[in-house]
C-alpha atoms as a PDB file:
ATOM      1  CA  MET A   1     -24.765 -20.094 -22.306  1.00  0.00           C
ATOM      2  CA  ALA A   2     -24.370 -16.251 -20.719  1.00  0.00           C
ATOM      3  CA  SER A   3     -21.166 -14.683 -20.945  1.00  0.00           C
ATOM      4  CA  ARG A   4     -18.838 -14.882 -17.763  1.00  0.00           C
ATOM      5  CA  GLU A   5     -17.728 -11.805 -16.297  1.00  0.00           C
ATOM      6  CA  HIS A   6     -14.346 -10.481 -16.898  1.00  0.00           C
ATOM      7  CA  GLN A   7     -11.980  -9.212 -14.226  1.00  0.00           C
ATOM      8  CA  GLN A   8      -9.108  -6.939 -14.200  1.00  0.00           C
ATOM      9  CA  VAL A   9      -5.978  -8.144 -12.563  1.00  0.00           C
ATOM     10  CA  ALA A  10      -4.039  -6.338  -9.474  1.00  0.00           C
ATOM     11  CA  LEU A  11      -1.068  -7.744  -8.444  1.00  0.00           C
ATOM     12  CA  THR A  12       0.798  -7.456  -4.671  1.00  0.00           C
ATOM     13  CA  ILE A  13       4.237  -7.904  -3.902  1.00  0.00           C
ATOM     14  CA  ALA A  14       4.222  -7.943  -0.012  1.00  0.00           C
ATOM     15  CA  GLY A  15       4.620 -10.029   3.082  1.00  0.00           C
ATOM     16  CA  SER A  16       2.223 -12.630   4.649  1.00  0.00           C
ATOM     17  CA  ASP A  17       0.617 -11.533   7.696  1.00  0.00           C
ATOM     18  CA  SER A  18      -0.524 -14.638   9.950  1.00  0.00           C
ATOM     19  CA  GLY A  19      -3.641 -12.557  11.302  1.00  0.00           C
ATOM     20  CA  GLY A  20      -4.863 -11.742   8.386  1.00  0.00           C
ATOM     21  CA  GLY A  21      -5.026  -7.896   8.876  1.00  0.00           C
ATOM     22  CA  ALA A  22      -2.591  -6.612   7.165  1.00  0.00           C
ATOM     23  CA  GLY A  23      -0.038  -7.416   4.574  1.00  0.00           C
ATOM     24  CA  LEU A  24      -0.877  -9.524   1.217  1.00  0.00           C
ATOM     25  CA  GLN A  25      -4.229 -10.753   2.863  1.00  0.00           C
ATOM     26  CA  ALA A  26      -5.803  -7.584   3.529  1.00  0.00           C
ATOM     27  CA  ASP A  27      -4.783  -6.619  -0.230  1.00  0.00           C
ATOM     28  CA  LEU A  28      -6.709  -9.825  -1.527  1.00  0.00           C
ATOM     29  CA  LYS A  29      -9.562  -8.895   0.315  1.00  0.00           C
ATOM     30  CA  THR A  30      -9.087  -5.088  -0.768  1.00  0.00           C
ATOM     31  CA  PHE A  31      -8.868  -6.535  -4.448  1.00  0.00           C
ATOM     32  CA  ALA A  32     -11.616  -8.646  -3.737  1.00  0.00           C
ATOM     33  CA  ALA A  33     -14.240  -5.781  -2.454  1.00  0.00           C
ATOM     34  CA  LEU A  34     -13.354  -3.888  -5.597  1.00  0.00           C
ATOM     35  CA  GLY A  35     -14.354  -6.770  -7.930  1.00  0.00           C
ATOM     36  CA  VAL A  36      -9.981  -7.169  -9.352  1.00  0.00           C
ATOM     37  CA  HIS A  37      -8.375 -10.666  -9.356  1.00  0.00           C
ATOM     38  CA  GLY A  38      -5.685 -10.625  -6.769  1.00  0.00           C
ATOM     39  CA  THR A  39      -2.420 -11.921  -7.806  1.00  0.00           C
ATOM     40  CA  THR A  40       0.733 -12.230  -4.938  1.00  0.00           C
ATOM     41  CA  ALA A  41       4.288 -12.432  -5.195  1.00  0.00           C
ATOM     42  CA  VAL A  42       5.005 -13.099  -1.517  1.00  0.00           C
ATOM     43  CA  THR A  43       8.237 -11.693  -0.127  1.00  0.00           C
ATOM     44  CA  CYS A  44       7.884 -12.847   3.436  1.00  0.00           C
ATOM     45  CA  LEU A  45       6.399 -14.797   6.149  1.00  0.00           C
ATOM     46  CA  THR A  46       5.572 -13.472   9.247  1.00  0.00           C
ATOM     47  CA  ALA A  47       4.312 -15.009  12.594  1.00  0.00           C
ATOM     48  CA  GLN A  48       2.046 -12.381  13.535  1.00  0.00           C
ATOM     49  CA  ASN A  49      -1.105 -10.996  15.102  1.00  0.00           C
ATOM     50  CA  PRO A  50      -2.603  -7.965  16.013  1.00  0.00           C
ATOM     51  CA  ALA A  51      -0.286  -7.293  19.446  1.00  0.00           C
ATOM     52  CA  ALA A  52       2.998  -8.159  17.411  1.00  0.00           C
ATOM     53  CA  VAL A  53       5.060  -9.969  14.697  1.00  0.00           C
ATOM     54  CA  THR A  54       7.452 -12.470  16.762  1.00  0.00           C
ATOM     55  CA  ALA A  55       9.187 -13.594  13.400  1.00  0.00           C
ATOM     56  CA  VAL A  56      10.075 -12.910   9.702  1.00  0.00           C
ATOM     57  CA  GLN A  57      11.306 -15.427   7.405  1.00  0.00           C
ATOM     58  CA  ALA A  58      11.948 -13.646   3.960  1.00  0.00           C
ATOM     59  CA  ALA A  59      11.657 -15.636   0.496  1.00  0.00           C
ATOM     60  CA  THR A  60      15.283 -15.252  -1.852  1.00  0.00           C
ATOM     61  CA  PRO A  61      15.335 -12.455  -4.484  1.00  0.00           C
ATOM     62  CA  LYS A  62      15.119 -15.128  -6.717  1.00  0.00           C
ATOM     63  CA  PHE A  63      12.177 -16.674  -5.676  1.00  0.00           C
ATOM     64  CA  VAL A  64      10.360 -13.592  -5.677  1.00  0.00           C
ATOM     65  CA  ARG A  65      11.168 -12.982  -9.275  1.00  0.00           C
ATOM     66  CA  ALA A  66       9.416 -16.355 -10.144  1.00  0.00           C
ATOM     67  CA  GLN A  67       6.634 -15.404  -8.691  1.00  0.00           C
ATOM     68  CA  LEU A  68       6.321 -11.969 -10.780  1.00  0.00           C
ATOM     69  CA  GLU A  69       7.284 -14.308 -14.224  1.00  0.00           C
ATOM     70  CA  ALA A  70       4.850 -16.263 -13.617  1.00  0.00           C
ATOM     71  CA  VAL A  71       2.261 -13.811 -12.724  1.00  0.00           C
ATOM     72  CA  PHE A  72       2.999 -11.756 -15.909  1.00  0.00           C
ATOM     73  CA  GLY A  73       3.036 -14.923 -17.738  1.00  0.00           C
ATOM     74  CA  GLU A  74      -0.668 -15.538 -17.691  1.00  0.00           C
ATOM     75  CA  LEU A  75      -2.469 -13.109 -15.808  1.00  0.00           C
ATOM     76  CA  PRO A  76      -0.317  -9.782 -16.841  1.00  0.00           C
ATOM     77  CA  PRO A  77      -2.081  -7.450 -13.899  1.00  0.00           C
ATOM     78  CA  ARG A  78      -2.668  -3.842 -14.915  1.00  0.00           C
ATOM     79  CA  ALA A  79      -1.852  -2.433 -11.951  1.00  0.00           C
ATOM     80  CA  ALA A  80       1.033  -3.451  -8.997  1.00  0.00           C
ATOM     81  CA  LYS A  81       1.968  -2.495  -5.764  1.00  0.00           C
ATOM     82  CA  THR A  82       4.052  -3.433  -3.203  1.00  0.00           C
ATOM     83  CA  GLY A  83       4.170  -3.825   0.630  1.00  0.00           C
ATOM     84  CA  MET A  84       6.975  -5.472   3.352  1.00  0.00           C
ATOM     85  CA  LEU A  85      10.216  -5.720   1.197  1.00  0.00           C
ATOM     86  CA  PHE A  86      12.209  -6.710   3.979  1.00  0.00           C
ATOM     87  CA  ASN A  87      15.336  -6.288   2.753  1.00  0.00           C
ATOM     88  CA  ALA A  88      17.670  -4.820  -0.288  1.00  0.00           C
ATOM     89  CA  GLY A  89      18.143  -7.876  -2.153  1.00  0.00           C
ATOM     90  CA  ILE A  90      14.040  -8.062  -2.339  1.00  0.00           C
ATOM     91  CA  ILE A  91      13.838  -4.584  -3.624  1.00  0.00           C
ATOM     92  CA  ARG A  92      16.458  -4.970  -6.159  1.00  0.00           C
ATOM     93  CA  GLU A  93      14.878  -7.756  -7.470  1.00  0.00           C
ATOM     94  CA  VAL A  94      11.599  -6.070  -7.890  1.00  0.00           C
ATOM     95  CA  ALA A  95      13.064  -3.208  -9.392  1.00  0.00           C
ATOM     96  CA  ARG A  96      15.387  -5.062 -12.197  1.00  0.00           C
ATOM     97  CA  PHE A  97      12.285  -6.903 -13.194  1.00  0.00           C
ATOM     98  CA  TRP A  98      10.424  -3.298 -13.354  1.00  0.00           C
ATOM     99  CA  GLN A  99      13.174  -2.308 -15.657  1.00  0.00           C
ATOM    100  CA  ALA A 100      13.184  -4.679 -17.701  1.00  0.00           C
ATOM    101  CA  GLY A 101      10.026  -4.955 -19.014  1.00  0.00           C
ATOM    102  CA  GLU A 102      10.110  -4.873 -22.638  1.00  0.00           C
ATOM    103  CA  ARG A 103       6.520  -3.331 -23.303  1.00  0.00           C
ATOM    104  CA  GLY A 104       6.444  -1.490 -20.255  1.00  0.00           C
ATOM    105  CA  ARG A 105       4.899  -2.226 -16.676  1.00  0.00           C
ATOM    106  CA  PRO A 106       2.002  -1.415 -15.376  1.00  0.00           C
ATOM    107  CA  PRO A 107       2.187   1.277 -12.616  1.00  0.00           C
ATOM    108  CA  LEU A 108       3.453   0.663  -9.586  1.00  0.00           C
ATOM    109  CA  VAL A 109       2.342   2.071  -6.055  1.00  0.00           C
ATOM    110  CA  VAL A 110       4.654   1.828  -3.713  1.00  0.00           C
ATOM    111  CA  ASP A 111       4.185   1.608   0.044  1.00  0.00           C
ATOM    112  CA  PRO A 112       7.376   1.891   1.771  1.00  0.00           C
ATOM    113  CA  VAL A 113       6.233  -0.398   4.323  1.00  0.00           C
ATOM    114  CA  MET A 114       8.960   0.145   7.064  1.00  0.00           C
ATOM    115  CA  VAL A 115       7.830  -0.581  10.670  1.00  0.00           C
ATOM    116  CA  ALA A 116       4.678  -2.749  11.469  1.00  0.00           C
ATOM    117  CA  THR A 117       1.735  -1.003  14.541  1.00  0.00           C
ATOM    118  CA  SER A 118       2.888  -2.636  16.599  1.00  0.00           C
ATOM    119  CA  GLY A 119       6.731  -1.382  16.683  1.00  0.00           C
ATOM    120  CA  ALA A 120       8.270  -4.064  14.913  1.00  0.00           C
ATOM    121  CA  ARG A 121      10.458  -3.157  12.187  1.00  0.00           C
ATOM    122  CA  LEU A 122       9.692  -4.407   8.886  1.00  0.00           C
ATOM    123  CA  LEU A 123      12.690  -3.226   6.509  1.00  0.00           C
ATOM    124  CA  GLN A 124      16.140  -3.705   7.432  1.00  0.00           C
ATOM    125  CA  PRO A 125      18.306  -0.287   8.331  1.00  0.00           C
ATOM    126  CA  ALA A 126      20.549  -1.336   4.633  1.00  0.00           C
ATOM    127  CA  ALA A 127      17.498  -1.965   2.890  1.00  0.00           C
ATOM    128  CA  VAL A 128      16.598   2.024   2.713  1.00  0.00           C
ATOM    129  CA  LYS A 129      18.779   3.074   0.514  1.00  0.00           C
ATOM    130  CA  ALA A 130      17.959   0.460  -1.690  1.00  0.00           C
ATOM    131  CA  LEU A 131      14.260   1.572  -1.847  1.00  0.00           C
ATOM    132  CA  LEU A 132      15.033   4.979  -2.227  1.00  0.00           C
ATOM    133  CA  ASN A 133      17.405   5.045  -5.063  1.00  0.00           C
ATOM    134  CA  GLU A 134      16.633   2.134  -7.043  1.00  0.00           C
ATOM    135  CA  LEU A 135      12.614   1.448  -6.247  1.00  0.00           C
ATOM    136  CA  LEU A 136      11.017   4.868  -5.821  1.00  0.00           C
ATOM    137  CA  PRO A 137      12.039   6.521  -9.330  1.00  0.00           C
ATOM    138  CA  LEU A 138      10.385   3.660 -10.412  1.00  0.00           C
ATOM    139  CA  ALA A 139       6.884   4.010  -9.352  1.00  0.00           C
ATOM    140  CA  ALA A 140       3.742   6.040 -10.407  1.00  0.00           C
ATOM    141  CA  LEU A 141       2.901   6.407  -6.705  1.00  0.00           C
ATOM    142  CA  VAL A 142       4.651   6.226  -3.142  1.00  0.00           C
ATOM    143  CA  THR A 143       2.251   6.315   0.096  1.00  0.00           C
ATOM    144  CA  PRO A 144       4.302   6.772   2.996  1.00  0.00           C
ATOM    145  CA  ASN A 145       2.488   7.278   6.697  1.00  0.00           C
ATOM    146  CA  LEU A 146       3.985  10.067   8.624  1.00  0.00           C
ATOM    147  CA  ASP A 147       6.710   8.673  10.058  1.00  0.00           C
ATOM    148  CA  GLU A 148       8.168   7.233   6.361  1.00  0.00           C
ATOM    149  CA  ALA A 149       7.728  11.022   5.263  1.00  0.00           C
ATOM    150  CA  GLU A 150      10.007  11.723   7.984  1.00  0.00           C
ATOM    151  CA  ILE A 151      12.807   9.196   6.852  1.00  0.00           C
ATOM    152  CA  LEU A 152      12.226   9.912   3.343  1.00  0.00           C
ATOM    153  CA  THR A 153      12.147  13.808   3.761  1.00  0.00           C
ATOM    154  CA  GLY A 154      14.906  13.558   6.607  1.00  0.00           C
ATOM    155  CA  LYS A 155      12.420  16.197   8.407  1.00  0.00           C
ATOM    156  CA  LYS A 156      10.233  16.100  11.351  1.00  0.00           C
ATOM    157  CA  LEU A 157       6.527  16.805   9.946  1.00  0.00           C
ATOM    158  CA  SER A 158       3.853  17.874  12.876  1.00  0.00           C
ATOM    159  CA  ARG A 159       1.739  19.929  11.364  1.00  0.00           C
ATOM    160  CA  LEU A 160      -0.676  20.180   8.319  1.00  0.00           C
ATOM    161  CA  ASP A 161       1.626  21.900   6.147  1.00  0.00           C
ATOM    162  CA  ASP A 162       4.357  19.711   6.891  1.00  0.00           C
ATOM    163  CA  LEU A 163       2.620  17.741   5.106  1.00  0.00           C
ATOM    164  CA  PHE A 164       2.648  19.572   1.608  1.00  0.00           C
ATOM    165  CA  GLU A 165       6.270  20.451   1.952  1.00  0.00           C
ATOM    166  CA  ALA A 166       6.565  16.714   2.168  1.00  0.00           C
ATOM    167  CA  ALA A 167       4.611  15.989  -0.806  1.00  0.00           C
ATOM    168  CA  LEU A 168       6.686  18.168  -2.913  1.00  0.00           C
ATOM    169  CA  THR A 169       9.659  17.209  -1.462  1.00  0.00           C
ATOM    170  CA  ILE A 170       9.517  13.745  -1.912  1.00  0.00           C
ATOM    171  CA  HIS A 171       8.208  14.409  -5.454  1.00  0.00           C
ATOM    172  CA  GLN A 172      11.110  16.527  -6.792  1.00  0.00           C
ATOM    173  CA  ARG A 173      12.992  14.152  -5.139  1.00  0.00           C
ATOM    174  CA  PHE A 174      12.072  10.871  -6.700  1.00  0.00           C
ATOM    175  CA  GLY A 175       9.863  12.103  -9.553  1.00  0.00           C
ATOM    176  CA  CYS A 176       6.493  10.126  -8.378  1.00  0.00           C
ATOM    177  CA  ALA A 177       3.165  10.941  -7.256  1.00  0.00           C
ATOM    178  CA  VAL A 178       2.643  11.268  -3.228  1.00  0.00           C
ATOM    179  CA  LEU A 179       0.269  10.563  -1.311  1.00  0.00           C
ATOM    180  CA  VAL A 180       1.613  11.381   2.388  1.00  0.00           C
ATOM    181  CA  LYS A 181      -1.012  10.307   4.685  1.00  0.00           C
ATOM    182  CA  GLY A 182      -1.730  12.396   8.210  1.00  0.00           C
ATOM    183  CA  GLY A 183      -3.670   9.489  10.324  1.00  0.00           C
ATOM    184  CA  HIS A 184      -1.027  10.540  12.759  1.00  0.00           C
ATOM    185  CA  LEU A 185      -1.732  14.013  13.051  1.00  0.00           C
ATOM    186  CA  THR A 186      -3.704  13.077  16.114  1.00  0.00           C
ATOM    187  CA  ARG A 187      -4.285  16.519  17.221  1.00  0.00           C
ATOM    188  CA  SER A 188      -6.550  17.438  14.588  1.00  0.00           C
ATOM    189  CA  PRO A 189     -10.655  16.194  14.596  1.00  0.00           C
ATOM    190  CA  GLU A 190      -9.872  14.657  10.589  1.00  0.00           C
ATOM    191  CA  ALA A 191      -7.553  11.943   8.809  1.00  0.00           C
ATOM    192  CA  VAL A 192      -6.000  14.480   6.513  1.00  0.00           C
ATOM    193  CA  ASP A 193      -3.469  13.164   3.554  1.00  0.00           C
ATOM    194  CA  VAL A 194      -2.197  14.830   0.835  1.00  0.00           C
ATOM    195  CA  PHE A 195      -1.613  14.118  -2.748  1.00  0.00           C
ATOM    196  CA  PHE A 196       0.266  15.612  -5.231  1.00  0.00           C
ATOM    197  CA  ASP A 197       1.753  14.428  -9.179  1.00  0.00           C
ATOM    198  CA  GLY A 198       3.850  17.572  -9.708  1.00  0.00           C
ATOM    199  CA  GLU A 199       0.579  19.483 -11.503  1.00  0.00           C
ATOM    200  CA  THR A 200      -2.346  17.928  -9.454  1.00  0.00           C
ATOM    201  CA  GLY A 201      -2.433  19.217  -5.533  1.00  0.00           C
ATOM    202  CA  LEU A 202      -5.210  17.747  -3.228  1.00  0.00           C
ATOM    203  CA  THR A 203      -6.175  17.680   0.026  1.00  0.00           C
ATOM    204  CA  LEU A 204      -7.997  14.154   1.436  1.00  0.00           C
ATOM    205  CA  SER A 205      -9.875  14.590   4.802  1.00  0.00           C
ATOM    206  CA  ALA A 206     -12.462  12.782   6.454  1.00  0.00           C
ATOM    207  CA  PRO A 207     -13.676  12.610  10.138  1.00  0.00           C
ATOM    208  CA  ARG A 208     -11.307  10.859  12.358  1.00  0.00           C
ATOM    209  CA  VAL A 209     -12.816   7.647  13.623  1.00  0.00           C
ATOM    210  CA  ARG A 210     -11.952   7.362  17.618  1.00  0.00           C
ATOM    211  CA  GLY A 211     -12.045   4.393  19.698  1.00  0.00           C
ATOM    212  CA  VAL A 212     -11.276   1.887  16.864  1.00  0.00           C
ATOM    213  CA  SER A 213      -7.643   0.047  17.241  1.00  0.00           C
ATOM    214  CA  THR A 214      -6.847  -1.620  13.747  1.00  0.00           C
ATOM    215  CA  HIS A 215      -3.687  -2.486  12.120  1.00  0.00           C
ATOM    216  CA  GLY A 216      -3.376  -3.241   7.997  1.00  0.00           C
ATOM    217  CA  THR A 217      -5.027   0.448   6.830  1.00  0.00           C
ATOM    218  CA  GLY A 218      -1.640   1.349   5.257  1.00  0.00           C
ATOM    219  CA  CYS A 219      -1.907  -1.779   3.295  1.00  0.00           C
ATOM    220  CA  THR A 220      -5.278  -1.505   2.573  1.00  0.00           C
ATOM    221  CA  TYR A 221      -5.414   2.100   1.463  1.00  0.00           C
ATOM    222  CA  SER A 222      -2.172   1.473  -1.162  1.00  0.00           C
ATOM    223  CA  ALA A 223      -4.571  -1.979  -2.396  1.00  0.00           C
ATOM    224  CA  ALA A 224      -7.507   0.424  -2.840  1.00  0.00           C
ATOM    225  CA  ILE A 225      -5.675   2.773  -4.919  1.00  0.00           C
ATOM    226  CA  THR A 226      -4.091   0.038  -6.844  1.00  0.00           C
ATOM    227  CA  GLY A 227      -7.344  -1.910  -7.313  1.00  0.00           C
ATOM    228  CA  TYR A 228      -8.930   0.815  -8.792  1.00  0.00           C
ATOM    229  CA  LEU A 229      -5.733   2.165 -11.092  1.00  0.00           C
ATOM    230  CA  ALA A 230      -6.291  -1.949 -12.034  1.00  0.00           C
ATOM    231  CA  LEU A 231     -10.298  -0.852 -13.508  1.00  0.00           C
ATOM    232  CA  GLY A 232      -8.975   1.949 -15.437  1.00  0.00           C
ATOM    233  CA  LEU A 233      -8.952   5.105 -13.623  1.00  0.00           C
ATOM    234  CA  ASP A 234      -6.645   7.952 -13.180  1.00  0.00           C
ATOM    235  CA  LEU A 235      -4.599   8.360 -10.400  1.00  0.00           C
ATOM    236  CA  SER A 236      -6.103  11.815  -8.777  1.00  0.00           C
ATOM    237  CA  ALA A 237      -9.593  10.158  -8.819  1.00  0.00           C
ATOM    238  CA  THR A 238      -7.973   6.354  -7.553  1.00  0.00           C
ATOM    239  CA  VAL A 239      -7.040   8.411  -4.101  1.00  0.00           C
ATOM    240  CA  GLU A 240     -10.019   9.899  -3.484  1.00  0.00           C
ATOM    241  CA  LEU A 241     -12.454   6.558  -3.922  1.00  0.00           C
ATOM    242  CA  ALA A 242      -9.131   4.651  -2.198  1.00  0.00           C
ATOM    243  CA  LYS A 243      -9.490   7.179   0.788  1.00  0.00           C
ATOM    244  CA  ASN A 244     -13.559   7.006   1.080  1.00  0.00           C
ATOM    245  CA  HIS A 245     -13.170   3.260   0.952  1.00  0.00           C
ATOM    246  CA  ILE A 246     -10.697   2.864   4.019  1.00  0.00           C
ATOM    247  CA  THR A 247     -12.990   5.663   5.804  1.00  0.00           C
ATOM    248  CA  GLN A 248     -15.357   3.622   5.615  1.00  0.00           C
ATOM    249  CA  ALA A 249     -13.657   0.418   6.167  1.00  0.00           C
ATOM    250  CA  ILE A 250     -12.649   1.718   9.757  1.00  0.00           C
ATOM    251  CA  ALA A 251     -15.949   3.058  10.621  1.00  0.00           C
ATOM    252  CA  GLN A 252     -17.211  -0.123   9.704  1.00  0.00           C
ATOM    253  CA  SER A 253     -14.385  -2.301  11.705  1.00  0.00           C
ATOM    254  CA  VAL A 254     -15.728  -5.405  13.058  1.00  0.00           C
ATOM    255  CA  ARG A 255     -14.554  -7.344  15.771  1.00  0.00           C
ATOM    256  CA  VAL A 256     -12.191 -10.504  15.343  1.00  0.00           C
ATOM    257  CA  GLY A 257     -11.696 -12.201  18.906  1.00  0.00           C
ATOM    258  CA  ARG A 258     -10.573  -9.280  21.050  1.00  0.00           C
ATOM    259  CA  HIS A 259      -9.555  -6.862  18.429  1.00  0.00           C
ATOM    260  CA  SER A 260     -10.697  -4.662  15.923  1.00  0.00           C
ATOM    261  CA  ALA A 261     -10.140  -5.725  12.131  1.00  0.00           C
ATOM    262  CA  LEU A 262     -11.209  -3.294   9.143  1.00  0.00           C
ATOM    263  CA  ASN A 263     -13.892  -4.210   7.255  1.00  0.00           C
ATOM    264  CA  PRO A 264     -13.360  -4.031   3.358  1.00  0.00           C
ATOM    265  CA  PHE A 265     -16.413  -5.405   2.240  1.00  0.00           C
ATOM    266  CA  TRP A 266     -18.568  -2.858   4.039  1.00  0.00           C
ATOM    267  CA  ARG A 267     -20.723  -2.132   0.525  1.00  0.00           C
ATOM    268  CA  GLU A 268     -21.956  -5.284   0.970  1.00  0.00           C
ATOM    269  CA  ALA A 269     -22.542  -4.685   4.786  1.00  0.00           C
ATOM    270  CA  GLU A 270     -24.701  -1.624   3.141  1.00  0.00           C
ATOM    271  CA  GLY A 271     -26.436  -3.801   0.765  1.00  0.00           C
ATOM    272  CA  ASP A 272     -24.577  -1.387  -2.071  1.00  0.00           C
END
């Protein structure tokens, strides 16, 4: 009998998007595209489509903990990420679980999901303090977009130089590596992100894809980083590969109904 392929495990701790474009659905598709087995701890159910989030039902912190224990009991991940955590209770439970790891927990990528592309708030205001004080100090990497970086730094960011300053500030404040995503700097002809881990600084740029409106880019980007970490790559290499992945997923997006959707399986479309 031929030996079967062994897949590494990645975990997403995130909300469900009923429209399939963001959240843990986007994460699982990205893990699958990279050849990684995806596991989940569902934090919230959302009634959502590309236009709006119409309802949110959060899981209890106790149930989130039960999912984490079940996954780690039989399918210990080599890397994990958080997405929509929604409230302080869930954030604290995830932080407690990470702190309680006797043999150490895998690297944690924190995508500080606060507001949906549609404008809906995905993190309760009271939960921001728990995110900053309890979860970010445990992160291997935090991946804020422009709006989230402004909340983390308390400063308005409008130029490329501001991204470098924000990355430095966030690293100094929380001790984790930082990827500040500059996609919302729409005046720039390129989508530029800045990575800093205290030693290595990288500027990641790609031509801006015009005329494509998608949601789930942040989820897909952070999931790609997590997937590459699960495959054993170091952090600086993962962000470069993930930047290419999200760029191609946007450039080779597909039409779903009346909307554009990211294509995490773009390599298959190219015959790679």
